[in-house]
Full PDB file with SEQRES, HELIX, SHEET, SSBOND, CRYST1, ORIGX, SCALE, CONECT and MASTER records, all heavy atoms in Angstrom:
SEQRES   1 A   34  TYR ARG GLU LEU VAL ALA SER ILE PHE SER GLY ASP ARG          
SEQRES   2 A   34  THR THR TYR ALA ASP SER VAL LYS ASP ARG PHE THR ILE          
SEQRES   3 A   34  SER ARG ASP SER ALA GLU ASN THR                              
HELIX    1 AA1 SER A   10  ASP A   12  5                                   3    
HELIX    2 AA2 SER A   30  GLU A   32  5                                   3    
SHEET    1 AA1 2 ALA A   6  ILE A   8  0                                        
SHEET    2 AA1 2 THR A  14  TYR A  16 -1                                        
CRYST1    1.000    1.000    1.000  90.00  90.00  90.00 P 1           1          
ORIGX1      1.000000  0.000000  0.000000        0.00000                         
ORIGX2      0.000000  1.000000  0.000000        0.00000                         
ORIGX3      0.000000  0.000000  1.000000        0.00000                         
SCALE1      1.000000  0.000000  0.000000        0.00000                         
SCALE2      0.000000  1.000000  0.000000        0.00000                         
SCALE3      0.000000  0.000000  1.000000        0.00000                         
ATOM      1  N   TYR A   1       0.809  -1.201   0.010  1.00  0.00           N  
ATOM      2  CA  TYR A   1       0.014   0.051  -0.004  1.00  0.00           C  
ATOM      3  C   TYR A   1       0.890   1.250   0.038  1.00  0.00           C  
ATOM      4  O   TYR A   1       2.047   1.200   0.288  1.00  0.00           O  
ATOM      5  CB  TYR A   1      -0.920  -0.013   1.191  1.00  0.00           C  
ATOM      6  CG  TYR A   1      -0.169  -0.095   2.505  1.00  0.00           C  
ATOM      7  CD1 TYR A   1       0.285   1.016   3.167  1.00  0.00           C  
ATOM      8  CD2 TYR A   1       0.095  -1.327   3.147  1.00  0.00           C  
ATOM      9  CE1 TYR A   1       0.990   0.935   4.372  1.00  0.00           C  
ATOM     10  CE2 TYR A   1       0.718  -1.425   4.355  1.00  0.00           C  
ATOM     11  CZ  TYR A   1       1.191  -0.300   4.933  1.00  0.00           C  
ATOM     12  OH  TYR A   1       1.898  -0.404   6.171  1.00  0.00           O  
ATOM     13  N   ARG A   2       0.300   2.372  -0.328  1.00  0.00           N  
ATOM     14  CA  ARG A   2       1.000   3.602  -0.290  1.00  0.00           C  
ATOM     15  C   ARG A   2       1.090   4.184   1.089  1.00  0.00           C  
ATOM     16  O   ARG A   2       0.048   4.182   1.858  1.00  0.00           O  
ATOM     17  CB  ARG A   2       0.276   4.632  -1.224  1.00  0.00           C  
ATOM     18  CG  ARG A   2       1.057   5.929  -1.344  1.00  0.00           C  
ATOM     19  CD  ARG A   2       0.395   6.831  -2.469  1.00  0.00           C  
ATOM     20  NE  ARG A   2      -1.008   7.054  -2.238  1.00  0.00           N  
ATOM     21  CZ  ARG A   2      -1.850   7.504  -3.112  1.00  0.00           C  
ATOM     22  NH1 ARG A   2      -1.342   7.839  -4.371  1.00  0.00           N  
ATOM     23  NH2 ARG A   2      -3.108   7.759  -2.873  1.00  0.00           N  
ATOM     24  N   GLU A   3       2.269   4.561   1.527  1.00  0.00           N  
ATOM     25  CA  GLU A   3       2.450   5.005   2.884  1.00  0.00           C  
ATOM     26  C   GLU A   3       3.072   6.419   2.900  1.00  0.00           C  
ATOM     27  O   GLU A   3       3.842   6.723   1.979  1.00  0.00           O  
ATOM     28  CB  GLU A   3       3.308   4.023   3.705  1.00  0.00           C  
ATOM     29  CG  GLU A   3       4.749   3.925   3.141  1.00  0.00           C  
ATOM     30  CD  GLU A   3       5.610   3.008   4.016  1.00  0.00           C  
ATOM     31  OE1 GLU A   3       5.272   2.730   5.136  1.00  0.00           O  
ATOM     32  OE2 GLU A   3       6.695   2.592   3.540  1.00  0.00           O  
ATOM     33  N   LEU A   4       2.792   7.161   3.894  1.00  0.00           N  
ATOM     34  CA  LEU A   4       3.383   8.477   4.121  1.00  0.00           C  
ATOM     35  C   LEU A   4       4.822   8.317   4.621  1.00  0.00           C  
ATOM     36  O   LEU A   4       5.071   7.563   5.591  1.00  0.00           O  
ATOM     37  CB  LEU A   4       2.580   9.274   5.115  1.00  0.00           C  
ATOM     38  CG  LEU A   4       3.081  10.657   5.462  1.00  0.00           C  
ATOM     39  CD1 LEU A   4       3.121  11.568   4.234  1.00  0.00           C  
ATOM     40  CD2 LEU A   4       2.255  11.304   6.537  1.00  0.00           C  
ATOM     41  N   VAL A   5       5.691   8.994   3.955  1.00  0.00           N  
ATOM     42  CA  VAL A   5       7.105   8.981   4.338  1.00  0.00           C  
ATOM     43  C   VAL A   5       7.507  10.165   5.158  1.00  0.00           C  
ATOM     44  O   VAL A   5       8.149  10.042   6.212  1.00  0.00           O  
ATOM     45  CB  VAL A   5       7.998   8.907   3.093  1.00  0.00           C  
ATOM     46  CG1 VAL A   5       9.535   8.898   3.439  1.00  0.00           C  
ATOM     47  CG2 VAL A   5       7.677   7.595   2.296  1.00  0.00           C  
ATOM     48  N   ALA A   6       7.179  11.370   4.694  1.00  0.00           N  
ATOM     49  CA  ALA A   6       7.544  12.623   5.364  1.00  0.00           C  
ATOM     50  C   ALA A   6       6.664  13.688   4.896  1.00  0.00           C  
ATOM     51  O   ALA A   6       6.204  13.708   3.708  1.00  0.00           O  
ATOM     52  CB  ALA A   6       8.980  12.955   5.152  1.00  0.00           C  
ATOM     53  N   SER A   7       6.420  14.726   5.729  1.00  0.00           N  
ATOM     54  CA  SER A   7       5.606  15.831   5.359  1.00  0.00           C  
ATOM     55  C   SER A   7       6.250  17.107   5.933  1.00  0.00           C  
ATOM     56  O   SER A   7       6.908  17.037   6.987  1.00  0.00           O  
ATOM     57  CB  SER A   7       4.161  15.718   5.926  1.00  0.00           C  
ATOM     58  OG  SER A   7       3.523  14.651   5.371  1.00  0.00           O  
ATOM     59  N   ILE A   8       5.982  18.219   5.324  1.00  0.00           N  
ATOM     60  CA  ILE A   8       6.424  19.488   5.828  1.00  0.00           C  
ATOM     61  C   ILE A   8       5.274  20.505   5.722  1.00  0.00           C  
ATOM     62  O   ILE A   8       4.618  20.547   4.655  1.00  0.00           O  
ATOM     63  CB  ILE A   8       7.708  19.993   5.110  1.00  0.00           C  
ATOM     64  CG1 ILE A   8       8.252  21.259   5.774  1.00  0.00           C  
ATOM     65  CG2 ILE A   8       7.489  20.162   3.582  1.00  0.00           C  
ATOM     66  CD1 ILE A   8       9.690  21.580   5.359  1.00  0.00           C  
ATOM     67  N   PHE A   9       5.067  21.243   6.767  1.00  0.00           N  
ATOM     68  CA  PHE A   9       3.941  22.131   6.846  1.00  0.00           C  
ATOM     69  C   PHE A   9       4.369  23.637   6.893  1.00  0.00           C  
ATOM     70  O   PHE A   9       5.556  23.918   7.006  1.00  0.00           O  
ATOM     71  CB  PHE A   9       3.119  21.826   8.069  1.00  0.00           C  
ATOM     72  CG  PHE A   9       2.578  20.411   8.164  1.00  0.00           C  
ATOM     73  CD1 PHE A   9       3.359  19.383   8.548  1.00  0.00           C  
ATOM     74  CD2 PHE A   9       1.265  20.170   7.735  1.00  0.00           C  
ATOM     75  CE1 PHE A   9       2.812  18.098   8.563  1.00  0.00           C  
ATOM     76  CE2 PHE A   9       0.734  18.910   7.732  1.00  0.00           C  
ATOM     77  CZ  PHE A   9       1.571  17.867   8.146  1.00  0.00           C  
ATOM     78  N   SER A  10       3.431  24.510   6.880  1.00  0.00           N  
ATOM     79  CA  SER A  10       3.691  25.945   7.028  1.00  0.00           C  
ATOM     80  C   SER A  10       4.435  26.117   8.402  1.00  0.00           C  
ATOM     81  O   SER A  10       4.013  25.533   9.409  1.00  0.00           O  
ATOM     82  CB  SER A  10       2.421  26.727   7.038  1.00  0.00           C  
ATOM     83  OG  SER A  10       1.753  26.658   5.813  1.00  0.00           O  
ATOM     84  N   GLY A  11       5.430  26.964   8.395  1.00  0.00           N  
ATOM     85  CA  GLY A  11       6.283  27.075   9.558  1.00  0.00           C  
ATOM     86  C   GLY A  11       7.394  26.075   9.614  1.00  0.00           C  
ATOM     87  O   GLY A  11       8.156  26.039  10.545  1.00  0.00           O  
ATOM     88  N   ASP A  12       7.538  25.224   8.588  1.00  0.00           N  
ATOM     89  CA  ASP A  12       8.576  24.239   8.438  1.00  0.00           C  
ATOM     90  C   ASP A  12       8.506  23.121   9.484  1.00  0.00           C  
ATOM     91  O   ASP A  12       9.527  22.472   9.796  1.00  0.00           O  
ATOM     92  CB  ASP A  12       9.928  24.924   8.456  1.00  0.00           C  
ATOM     93  CG  ASP A  12      10.161  25.759   7.281  1.00  0.00           C  
ATOM     94  OD1 ASP A  12       9.601  25.500   6.186  1.00  0.00           O  
ATOM     95  OD2 ASP A  12      11.010  26.750   7.389  1.00  0.00           O  
ATOM     96  N   ARG A  13       7.309  22.907  10.091  1.00  0.00           N  
ATOM     97  CA  ARG A  13       7.114  21.706  10.892  1.00  0.00           C  
ATOM     98  C   ARG A  13       7.147  20.504  10.043  1.00  0.00           C  
ATOM     99  O   ARG A  13       6.568  20.451   8.988  1.00  0.00           O  
ATOM    100  CB  ARG A  13       5.777  21.841  11.706  1.00  0.00           C  
ATOM    101  CG  ARG A  13       5.539  20.673  12.608  1.00  0.00           C  
ATOM    102  CD  ARG A  13       4.384  20.975  13.483  1.00  0.00           C  
ATOM    103  NE  ARG A  13       3.160  21.217  12.673  1.00  0.00           N  
ATOM    104  CZ  ARG A  13       2.301  20.190  12.315  1.00  0.00           C  
ATOM    105  NH1 ARG A  13       2.558  18.918  12.633  1.00  0.00           N  
ATOM    106  NH2 ARG A  13       1.198  20.529  11.601  1.00  0.00           N  
ATOM    107  N   THR A  14       7.814  19.463  10.566  1.00  0.00           N  
ATOM    108  CA  THR A  14       7.974  18.236   9.788  1.00  0.00           C  
ATOM    109  C   THR A  14       7.555  17.032  10.537  1.00  0.00           C  
ATOM    110  O   THR A  14       7.504  17.019  11.808  1.00  0.00           O  
ATOM    111  CB  THR A  14       9.476  18.015   9.352  1.00  0.00           C  
ATOM    112  OG1 THR A  14      10.262  17.961  10.510  1.00  0.00           O  
ATOM    113  CG2 THR A  14       9.924  19.186   8.451  1.00  0.00           C  
ATOM    114  N   THR A  15       7.139  15.981   9.822  1.00  0.00           N  
ATOM    115  CA  THR A  15       6.825  14.684  10.373  1.00  0.00           C  
ATOM    116  C   THR A  15       7.528  13.652   9.524  1.00  0.00           C  
ATOM    117  O   THR A  15       7.778  13.808   8.303  1.00  0.00           O  
ATOM    118  CB  THR A  15       5.336  14.423  10.478  1.00  0.00           C  
ATOM    119  OG1 THR A  15       4.750  14.369   9.134  1.00  0.00           O  
ATOM    120  CG2 THR A  15       4.631  15.445  11.326  1.00  0.00           C  
ATOM    121  N   TYR A  16       7.861  12.499  10.155  1.00  0.00           N  
ATOM    122  CA  TYR A  16       8.490  11.413   9.455  1.00  0.00           C  
ATOM    123  C   TYR A  16       7.916  10.073   9.854  1.00  0.00           C  
ATOM    124  O   TYR A  16       7.462   9.905  11.019  1.00  0.00           O  
ATOM    125  CB  TYR A  16       9.971  11.355   9.786  1.00  0.00           C  
ATOM    126  CG  TYR A  16      10.772  12.554   9.285  1.00  0.00           C  
ATOM    127  CD1 TYR A  16      10.956  13.659  10.093  1.00  0.00           C  
ATOM    128  CD2 TYR A  16      11.291  12.601   7.970  1.00  0.00           C  
ATOM    129  CE1 TYR A  16      11.690  14.742   9.693  1.00  0.00           C  
ATOM    130  CE2 TYR A  16      12.048  13.695   7.542  1.00  0.00           C  
ATOM    131  CZ  TYR A  16      12.197  14.722   8.374  1.00  0.00           C  
ATOM    132  OH  TYR A  16      12.906  15.846   7.925  1.00  0.00           O  
ATOM    133  N   ALA A  17       7.918   9.144   8.997  1.00  0.00           N  
ATOM    134  CA  ALA A  17       7.639   7.792   9.302  1.00  0.00           C  
ATOM    135  C   ALA A  17       8.753   7.194  10.163  1.00  0.00           C  
ATOM    136  O   ALA A  17       9.945   7.612   9.947  1.00  0.00           O  
ATOM    137  CB  ALA A  17       7.443   6.913   8.081  1.00  0.00           C  
ATOM    138  N   ASP A  18       8.450   6.359  11.112  1.00  0.00           N  
ATOM    139  CA  ASP A  18       9.503   5.822  12.013  1.00  0.00           C  
ATOM    140  C   ASP A  18      10.607   5.101  11.223  1.00  0.00           C  
ATOM    141  O   ASP A  18      11.792   5.208  11.643  1.00  0.00           O  
ATOM    142  CB  ASP A  18       8.866   4.884  13.042  1.00  0.00           C  
ATOM    143  CG  ASP A  18       8.040   5.618  14.092  1.00  0.00           C  
ATOM    144  OD1 ASP A  18       8.194   6.811  14.240  1.00  0.00           O  
ATOM    145  OD2 ASP A  18       7.247   4.975  14.696  1.00  0.00           O  
ATOM    146  N   SER A  19      10.286   4.473  10.144  1.00  0.00           N  
ATOM    147  CA  SER A  19      11.233   3.713   9.385  1.00  0.00           C  
ATOM    148  C   SER A  19      12.295   4.546   8.714  1.00  0.00           C  
ATOM    149  O   SER A  19      13.325   4.077   8.295  1.00  0.00           O  
ATOM    150  CB  SER A  19      10.506   2.826   8.396  1.00  0.00           C  
ATOM    151  OG  SER A  19       9.750   3.663   7.461  1.00  0.00           O  
ATOM    152  N   VAL A  20      12.035   5.842   8.542  1.00  0.00           N  
ATOM    153  CA  VAL A  20      12.931   6.698   7.827  1.00  0.00           C  
ATOM    154  C   VAL A  20      13.467   7.866   8.667  1.00  0.00           C  
ATOM    155  O   VAL A  20      14.315   8.629   8.173  1.00  0.00           O  
ATOM    156  CB  VAL A  20      12.366   7.277   6.512  1.00  0.00           C  
ATOM    157  CG1 VAL A  20      11.774   6.105   5.700  1.00  0.00           C  
ATOM    158  CG2 VAL A  20      11.248   8.279   6.763  1.00  0.00           C  
ATOM    159  N   LYS A  21      13.063   8.041   9.861  1.00  0.00           N  
ATOM    160  CA  LYS A  21      13.252   9.235  10.700  1.00  0.00           C  
ATOM    161  C   LYS A  21      14.718   9.581  10.817  1.00  0.00           C  
ATOM    162  O   LYS A  21      15.077  10.785  10.782  1.00  0.00           O  
ATOM    163  CB  LYS A  21      12.553   9.050  12.023  1.00  0.00           C  
ATOM    164  CG  LYS A  21      12.690  10.339  12.899  1.00  0.00           C  
ATOM    165  CD  LYS A  21      11.907  10.153  14.168  1.00  0.00           C  
ATOM    166  CE  LYS A  21      10.443   9.954  13.934  1.00  0.00           C  
ATOM    167  NZ  LYS A  21       9.635   9.867  15.198  1.00  0.00           N  
ATOM    168  N   ASP A  22      15.588   8.652  10.985  1.00  0.00           N  
ATOM    169  CA  ASP A  22      16.987   8.902  11.231  1.00  0.00           C  
ATOM    170  C   ASP A  22      17.829   8.912   9.924  1.00  0.00           C  
ATOM    171  O   ASP A  22      18.986   9.187   9.963  1.00  0.00           O  
ATOM    172  CB  ASP A  22      17.558   7.778  12.083  1.00  0.00           C  
ATOM    173  CG  ASP A  22      16.929   7.874  13.501  1.00  0.00           C  
ATOM    174  OD1 ASP A  22      16.619   8.982  13.995  1.00  0.00           O  
ATOM    175  OD2 ASP A  22      16.858   6.763  14.133  1.00  0.00           O  
ATOM    176  N   ARG A  23      17.140   8.728   8.787  1.00  0.00           N  
ATOM    177  CA  ARG A  23      17.888   8.634   7.530  1.00  0.00           C  
ATOM    178  C   ARG A  23      17.447   9.604   6.494  1.00  0.00           C  
ATOM    179  O   ARG A  23      18.232  10.049   5.644  1.00  0.00           O  
ATOM    180  CB  ARG A  23      17.756   7.298   6.910  1.00  0.00           C  
ATOM    181  CG  ARG A  23      18.230   6.116   7.808  1.00  0.00           C  
ATOM    182  CD  ARG A  23      18.157   4.764   7.180  1.00  0.00           C  
ATOM    183  NE  ARG A  23      16.741   4.359   7.042  1.00  0.00           N  
ATOM    184  CZ  ARG A  23      16.132   4.101   5.836  1.00  0.00           C  
ATOM    185  NH1 ARG A  23      16.917   4.203   4.688  1.00  0.00           N  
ATOM    186  NH2 ARG A  23      14.890   3.764   5.729  1.00  0.00           N  
ATOM    187  N   PHE A  24      16.204  10.059   6.530  1.00  0.00           N  
ATOM    188  CA  PHE A  24      15.661  10.984   5.526  1.00  0.00           C  
ATOM    189  C   PHE A  24      15.398  12.364   6.123  1.00  0.00           C  
ATOM    190  O   PHE A  24      15.105  12.484   7.304  1.00  0.00           O  
ATOM    191  CB  PHE A  24      14.314  10.478   4.986  1.00  0.00           C  
ATOM    192  CG  PHE A  24      14.330   9.208   4.121  1.00  0.00           C  
ATOM    193  CD1 PHE A  24      15.554   8.513   4.043  1.00  0.00           C  
ATOM    194  CD2 PHE A  24      13.218   8.759   3.529  1.00  0.00           C  
ATOM    195  CE1 PHE A  24      15.609   7.323   3.259  1.00  0.00           C  
ATOM    196  CE2 PHE A  24      13.278   7.581   2.778  1.00  0.00           C  
ATOM    197  CZ  PHE A  24      14.462   6.899   2.660  1.00  0.00           C  
ATOM    198  N   THR A  25      15.539  13.398   5.283  1.00  0.00           N  
ATOM    199  CA  THR A  25      15.297  14.740   5.728  1.00  0.00           C  
ATOM    200  C   THR A  25      14.468  15.486   4.652  1.00  0.00           C  
ATOM    201  O   THR A  25      14.802  15.456   3.438  1.00  0.00           O  
ATOM    202  CB  THR A  25      16.603  15.526   5.983  1.00  0.00           C  
ATOM    203  OG1 THR A  25      17.401  14.918   6.928  1.00  0.00           O  
ATOM    204  CG2 THR A  25      16.289  16.967   6.434  1.00  0.00           C  
ATOM    205  N   ILE A  26      13.338  16.063   5.068  1.00  0.00           N  
ATOM    206  CA  ILE A  26      12.494  16.810   4.214  1.00  0.00           C  
ATOM    207  C   ILE A  26      12.705  18.327   4.425  1.00  0.00           C  
ATOM    208  O   ILE A  26      12.867  18.717   5.570  1.00  0.00           O  
ATOM    209  CB  ILE A  26      10.991  16.426   4.340  1.00  0.00           C  
ATOM    210  CG1 ILE A  26      10.168  17.100   3.247  1.00  0.00           C  
ATOM    211  CG2 ILE A  26      10.490  16.780   5.707  1.00  0.00           C  
ATOM    212  CD1 ILE A  26       8.743  16.592   3.178  1.00  0.00           C  
ATOM    213  N   SER A  27      12.797  19.044   3.394  1.00  0.00           N  
ATOM    214  CA  SER A  27      12.987  20.537   3.452  1.00  0.00           C  
ATOM    215  C   SER A  27      12.142  21.197   2.389  1.00  0.00           C  
ATOM    216  O   SER A  27      11.770  20.594   1.419  1.00  0.00           O  
ATOM    217  CB  SER A  27      14.440  20.887   3.364  1.00  0.00           C  
ATOM    218  OG  SER A  27      14.967  20.504   2.120  1.00  0.00           O  
ATOM    219  N   ARG A  28      11.967  22.506   2.632  1.00  0.00           N  
ATOM    220  CA  ARG A  28      11.087  23.246   1.687  1.00  0.00           C  
ATOM    221  C   ARG A  28      11.680  24.532   1.272  1.00  0.00           C  
ATOM    222  O   ARG A  28      12.169  25.317   2.096  1.00  0.00           O  
ATOM    223  CB  ARG A  28       9.735  23.490   2.457  1.00  0.00           C  
ATOM    224  CG  ARG A  28       8.632  24.186   1.649  1.00  0.00           C  
ATOM    225  CD  ARG A  28       7.396  24.252   2.470  1.00  0.00           C  
ATOM    226  NE  ARG A  28       6.259  24.831   1.726  1.00  0.00           N  
ATOM    227  CZ  ARG A  28       5.035  24.901   2.211  1.00  0.00           C  
ATOM    228  NH1 ARG A  28       4.770  24.443   3.416  1.00  0.00           N  
ATOM    229  NH2 ARG A  28       4.087  25.400   1.442  1.00  0.00           N  
ATOM    230  N   ASP A  29      11.559  24.823   0.018  1.00  0.00           N  
ATOM    231  CA  ASP A  29      11.940  26.090  -0.592  1.00  0.00           C  
ATOM    232  C   ASP A  29      10.668  26.847  -0.896  1.00  0.00           C  
ATOM    233  O   ASP A  29      10.102  26.670  -1.931  1.00  0.00           O  
ATOM    234  CB  ASP A  29      12.805  25.910  -1.815  1.00  0.00           C  
ATOM    235  CG  ASP A  29      13.375  27.226  -2.358  1.00  0.00           C  
ATOM    236  OD1 ASP A  29      12.850  28.275  -1.914  1.00  0.00           O  
ATOM    237  OD2 ASP A  29      14.256  27.112  -3.184  1.00  0.00           O  
ATOM    238  N   SER A  30      10.216  27.655   0.093  1.00  0.00           N  
ATOM    239  CA  SER A  30       8.932  28.292  -0.096  1.00  0.00           C  
ATOM    240  C   SER A  30       8.892  29.252  -1.291  1.00  0.00           C  
ATOM    241  O   SER A  30       7.815  29.339  -1.993  1.00  0.00           O  
ATOM    242  CB  SER A  30       8.537  29.052   1.169  1.00  0.00           C  
ATOM    243  OG  SER A  30       8.434  28.152   2.250  1.00  0.00           O  
ATOM    244  N   ALA A  31       9.968  29.970  -1.555  1.00  0.00           N  
ATOM    245  CA  ALA A  31       9.947  30.922  -2.611  1.00  0.00           C  
ATOM    246  C   ALA A  31       9.784  30.286  -3.978  1.00  0.00           C  
ATOM    247  O   ALA A  31       9.157  30.841  -4.885  1.00  0.00           O  
ATOM    248  CB  ALA A  31      11.250  31.680  -2.642  1.00  0.00           C  
ATOM    249  N   GLU A  32      10.175  29.027  -4.117  1.00  0.00           N  
ATOM    250  CA  GLU A  32      10.047  28.299  -5.409  1.00  0.00           C  
ATOM    251  C   GLU A  32       9.038  27.254  -5.345  1.00  0.00           C  
ATOM    252  O   GLU A  32       8.848  26.500  -6.318  1.00  0.00           O  
ATOM    253  CB  GLU A  32      11.412  27.750  -5.828  1.00  0.00           C  
ATOM    254  CG  GLU A  32      12.461  28.808  -6.052  1.00  0.00           C  
ATOM    255  CD  GLU A  32      13.815  28.200  -6.400  1.00  0.00           C  
ATOM    256  OE1 GLU A  32      13.880  26.997  -6.704  1.00  0.00           O  
ATOM    257  OE2 GLU A  32      14.764  28.930  -6.487  1.00  0.00           O  
ATOM    258  N   ASN A  33       8.328  27.090  -4.167  1.00  0.00           N  
ATOM    259  CA  ASN A  33       7.320  26.048  -4.015  1.00  0.00           C  
ATOM    260  C   ASN A  33       7.879  24.708  -4.329  1.00  0.00           C  
ATOM    261  O   ASN A  33       7.283  23.869  -5.025  1.00  0.00           O  
ATOM    262  CB  ASN A  33       6.103  26.319  -4.825  1.00  0.00           C  
ATOM    263  CG  ASN A  33       5.286  27.479  -4.280  1.00  0.00           C  
ATOM    264  OD1 ASN A  33       5.175  27.673  -3.072  1.00  0.00           O  
ATOM    265  ND2 ASN A  33       4.677  28.264  -5.177  1.00  0.00           N  
ATOM    266  N   THR A  34       9.026  24.435  -3.845  1.00  0.00           N  
ATOM    267  CA  THR A  34       9.829  23.204  -4.028  1.00  0.00           C  
ATOM    268  C   THR A  34      10.102  22.504  -2.756  1.00  0.00           C  
ATOM    269  O   THR A  34      10.528  23.204  -1.781  1.00  0.00           O  
ATOM    270  CB  THR A  34      11.085  23.415  -4.884  1.00  0.00           C  
ATOM    271  OG1 THR A  34      10.737  23.978  -6.099  1.00  0.00           O  
ATOM    272  CG2 THR A  34      11.783  22.114  -5.102  1.00  0.00           C  
TER     273      THR A  34                                                      
MASTER        0    0    0    2    2    0    0    6  272    1    0    3          
END                                                                             
């Protein structure tokens, strides 16, 4: 099934799946919506 890996919200708050928390990093470039 499709699972959530990581999310980033307004204010740069982030969440991670436990399986990737220590290995993956999500970041946001707000100016470029990337």
